[in-house]
Amino acid sequence: MADQTCDTSIERLEESMKLLSMSQSDLASKVDSILTQLANLTPMPSSLPRKHHLKLDVPHFNDTNPIGWIFKISQF
């Protein structure tokens, strides 16, 4: 009886390993396909207008009123 249970468990493990291996292989081929598609993407032309950078005054922490500073940063 114990041998039958052991055989059944081994068969289930082998089937699970086979399914896992197939899933891994499928996933690997999908990743390869995605990487190929990414490699074939054309870069954006550099003639696009550049965004202007804004200089913002971020509130600096001066070791006093940490709760007030956190509020200001959250609002910022």
N, C-alpha and C. Protein backbone atom coordinates (compact mmCIF):
# COMPACT_ATOMS: atom_id res chain seq x y z
N MET A 1 0.82 -1.20 0.00
CA MET A 1 0.00 0.00 0.00
C MET A 1 0.87 1.26 0.00
N ALA A 2 1.92 1.25 0.81
CA ALA A 2 2.81 2.40 0.88
C ALA A 2 3.54 2.60 -0.44
N ASP A 3 3.89 1.46 -1.09
CA ASP A 3 4.56 1.55 -2.39
C ASP A 3 3.65 2.18 -3.43
N GLN A 4 2.36 1.86 -3.38
CA GLN A 4 1.40 2.44 -4.33
C GLN A 4 1.27 3.94 -4.12
N THR A 5 1.20 4.36 -2.88
CA THR A 5 1.10 5.78 -2.56
C THR A 5 2.35 6.51 -3.01
N CYS A 6 3.50 5.89 -2.79
CA CYS A 6 4.78 6.49 -3.19
C CYS A 6 4.85 6.60 -4.70
N ASP A 7 4.42 5.55 -5.42
CA ASP A 7 4.42 5.58 -6.88
C ASP A 7 3.50 6.67 -7.41
N THR A 8 2.33 6.81 -6.80
CA THR A 8 1.38 7.83 -7.23
C THR A 8 1.95 9.22 -6.98
N SER A 9 2.59 9.40 -5.85
CA SER A 9 3.19 10.69 -5.53
C SER A 9 4.30 11.02 -6.51
N ILE A 10 5.12 10.04 -6.84
CA ILE A 10 6.21 10.25 -7.79
C ILE A 10 5.64 10.61 -9.16
N GLU A 11 4.60 9.92 -9.59
CA GLU A 11 3.98 10.22 -10.88
C GLU A 11 3.42 11.64 -10.91
N ARG A 12 2.78 12.04 -9.81
CA ARG A 12 2.24 13.41 -9.75
C ARG A 12 3.36 14.44 -9.77
N LEU A 13 4.46 14.15 -9.07
CA LEU A 13 5.60 15.05 -9.08
C LEU A 13 6.21 15.15 -10.48
N GLU A 14 6.34 14.02 -11.15
CA GLU A 14 6.90 14.04 -12.50
C GLU A 14 6.01 14.82 -13.45
N GLU A 15 4.70 14.65 -13.34
CA GLU A 15 3.76 15.39 -14.19
C GLU A 15 3.84 16.89 -13.89
N SER A 16 3.94 17.24 -12.62
CA SER A 16 4.06 18.65 -12.23
C SER A 16 5.36 19.24 -12.76
N MET A 17 6.44 18.49 -12.69
CA MET A 17 7.71 18.96 -13.21
C MET A 17 7.64 19.17 -14.72
N LYS A 18 6.96 18.26 -15.41
CA LYS A 18 6.82 18.38 -16.86
C LYS A 18 6.02 19.64 -17.21
N LEU A 19 4.93 19.89 -16.48
CA LEU A 19 4.13 21.08 -16.73
C LEU A 19 4.91 22.36 -16.42
N LEU A 20 5.67 22.31 -15.34
CA LEU A 20 6.48 23.47 -14.97
C LEU A 20 7.55 23.75 -16.02
N SER A 21 8.17 22.71 -16.52
CA SER A 21 9.18 22.86 -17.56
C SER A 21 8.58 23.44 -18.83
N MET A 22 7.39 22.99 -19.20
CA MET A 22 6.71 23.52 -20.39
C MET A 22 6.36 24.99 -20.18
N SER A 23 5.89 25.34 -19.00
CA SER A 23 5.55 26.73 -18.70
C SER A 23 6.78 27.61 -18.75
N GLN A 24 7.89 27.12 -18.22
CA GLN A 24 9.13 27.89 -18.23
C GLN A 24 9.61 28.10 -19.66
N SER A 25 9.51 27.07 -20.48
CA SER A 25 9.93 27.17 -21.87
C SER A 25 9.06 28.19 -22.61
N ASP A 26 7.75 28.14 -22.36
CA ASP A 26 6.83 29.09 -22.99
C ASP A 26 7.16 30.52 -22.56
N LEU A 27 7.41 30.70 -21.29
CA LEU A 27 7.75 32.02 -20.77
C LEU A 27 9.06 32.53 -21.38
N ALA A 28 10.04 31.65 -21.49
CA ALA A 28 11.33 32.04 -22.07
C ALA A 28 11.17 32.48 -23.52
N SER A 29 10.32 31.79 -24.27
CA SER A 29 10.13 32.19 -25.67
C SER A 29 9.39 33.53 -25.76
N LYS A 30 8.48 33.79 -24.84
CA LYS A 30 7.79 35.08 -24.83
C LYS A 30 8.76 36.21 -24.48
N VAL A 31 9.64 35.97 -23.52
CA VAL A 31 10.63 36.98 -23.15
C VAL A 31 11.55 37.25 -24.34
N ASP A 32 11.99 36.19 -25.02
CA ASP A 32 12.83 36.37 -26.20
C ASP A 32 12.12 37.20 -27.26
N SER A 33 10.83 36.94 -27.46
CA SER A 33 10.06 37.69 -28.44
C SER A 33 9.97 39.16 -28.06
N ILE A 34 9.74 39.43 -26.80
CA ILE A 34 9.66 40.81 -26.32
C ILE A 34 11.01 41.52 -26.50
N LEU A 35 12.09 40.83 -26.16
CA LEU A 35 13.41 41.43 -26.30
C LEU A 35 13.72 41.73 -27.76
N THR A 36 13.30 40.86 -28.67
CA THR A 36 13.51 41.09 -30.10
C THR A 36 12.72 42.31 -30.54
N GLN A 37 11.48 42.41 -30.10
CA GLN A 37 10.65 43.56 -30.46
C GLN A 37 11.25 44.85 -29.92
N LEU A 38 11.76 44.82 -28.69
CA LEU A 38 12.38 46.01 -28.11
C LEU A 38 13.64 46.41 -28.88
N ALA A 39 14.41 45.43 -29.32
CA ALA A 39 15.63 45.72 -30.06
C ALA A 39 15.31 46.35 -31.41
N ASN A 40 14.15 46.04 -31.96
CA ASN A 40 13.78 46.56 -33.28
C ASN A 40 13.05 47.90 -33.23
N LEU A 41 12.81 48.41 -32.04
CA LEU A 41 12.15 49.71 -31.93
C LEU A 41 13.09 50.79 -32.43
N THR A 42 12.51 51.73 -33.14
CA THR A 42 13.33 52.85 -33.62
C THR A 42 13.33 53.94 -32.56
N PRO A 43 14.48 54.53 -32.33
CA PRO A 43 14.53 55.60 -31.32
C PRO A 43 13.76 56.83 -31.79
N MET A 44 13.32 57.60 -30.84
CA MET A 44 12.59 58.82 -31.17
C MET A 44 13.55 59.82 -31.81
N PRO A 45 13.07 60.54 -32.79
CA PRO A 45 13.97 61.52 -33.43
C PRO A 45 14.38 62.61 -32.43
N SER A 46 15.61 63.07 -32.59
CA SER A 46 16.12 64.08 -31.66
C SER A 46 15.64 65.49 -32.02
N SER A 47 14.89 65.60 -33.10
CA SER A 47 14.43 66.92 -33.52
C SER A 47 13.17 67.37 -32.77
N LEU A 48 12.70 66.54 -31.86
CA LEU A 48 11.53 66.93 -31.09
C LEU A 48 11.89 68.08 -30.17
N PRO A 49 10.95 68.99 -29.95
CA PRO A 49 11.27 70.12 -29.05
C PRO A 49 11.53 69.61 -27.64
N ARG A 50 12.50 70.21 -27.02
CA ARG A 50 12.84 69.83 -25.66
C ARG A 50 11.96 70.58 -24.68
N LYS A 51 11.66 69.93 -23.61
CA LYS A 51 10.87 70.58 -22.57
C LYS A 51 11.76 71.55 -21.81
N HIS A 52 11.19 72.66 -21.43
CA HIS A 52 11.92 73.64 -20.64
C HIS A 52 11.98 73.17 -19.20
N HIS A 53 13.13 73.29 -18.63
CA HIS A 53 13.28 72.88 -17.24
C HIS A 53 12.91 74.05 -16.34
N LEU A 54 12.10 73.77 -15.36
CA LEU A 54 11.70 74.78 -14.40
C LEU A 54 12.54 74.63 -13.14
N LYS A 55 12.94 75.74 -12.60
CA LYS A 55 13.65 75.69 -11.34
C LYS A 55 12.63 75.97 -10.24
N LEU A 56 12.54 75.02 -9.33
CA LEU A 56 11.58 75.14 -8.25
C LEU A 56 12.32 75.29 -6.93
N ASP A 57 11.76 76.11 -6.07
CA ASP A 57 12.34 76.28 -4.74
C ASP A 57 11.69 75.28 -3.79
N VAL A 58 12.42 74.24 -3.48
CA VAL A 58 11.93 73.21 -2.57
C VAL A 58 12.20 73.65 -1.15
N PRO A 59 11.21 73.56 -0.29
CA PRO A 59 11.44 73.94 1.10
C PRO A 59 12.51 73.06 1.74
N HIS A 60 13.49 73.67 2.37
CA HIS A 60 14.57 72.94 3.01
C HIS A 60 14.23 72.74 4.48
N PHE A 61 14.64 71.61 5.01
CA PHE A 61 14.42 71.32 6.42
C PHE A 61 15.51 72.00 7.24
N ASN A 62 15.11 72.78 8.23
CA ASN A 62 16.08 73.51 9.04
C ASN A 62 16.13 73.01 10.49
N ASP A 63 15.83 71.75 10.69
CA ASP A 63 15.88 71.10 12.00
C ASP A 63 14.84 71.60 12.99
N THR A 64 13.87 72.37 12.53
CA THR A 64 12.79 72.79 13.41
C THR A 64 11.46 72.48 12.73
N ASN A 65 10.47 72.19 13.50
CA ASN A 65 9.11 71.94 13.03
C ASN A 65 9.06 70.89 11.91
N PRO A 66 9.45 69.64 12.23
CA PRO A 66 9.46 68.61 11.19
C PRO A 66 8.07 68.33 10.62
N ILE A 67 7.04 68.41 11.45
CA ILE A 67 5.68 68.15 10.96
C ILE A 67 5.27 69.21 9.94
N GLY A 68 5.57 70.48 10.22
CA GLY A 68 5.26 71.55 9.28
C GLY A 68 6.02 71.40 7.98
N TRP A 69 7.31 70.98 8.08
CA TRP A 69 8.10 70.78 6.87
C TRP A 69 7.54 69.63 6.03
N ILE A 70 7.16 68.53 6.68
CA ILE A 70 6.57 67.39 5.96
C ILE A 70 5.29 67.84 5.27
N PHE A 71 4.49 68.65 5.94
CA PHE A 71 3.26 69.17 5.31
C PHE A 71 3.59 69.99 4.08
N LYS A 72 4.59 70.89 4.18
CA LYS A 72 4.96 71.72 3.05
C LYS A 72 5.47 70.88 1.89
N ILE A 73 6.29 69.86 2.18
CA ILE A 73 6.81 69.00 1.13
C ILE A 73 5.66 68.22 0.49
N SER A 74 4.73 67.76 1.28
CA SER A 74 3.58 67.03 0.73
C SER A 74 2.76 67.93 -0.18
N GLN A 75 2.58 69.19 0.21
CA GLN A 75 1.84 70.13 -0.62
C GLN A 75 2.63 70.47 -1.87
N PHE A 76 3.93 70.50 -1.77
CA PHE A 76 4.80 70.84 -2.89
C PHE A 76 4.64 69.79 -3.97
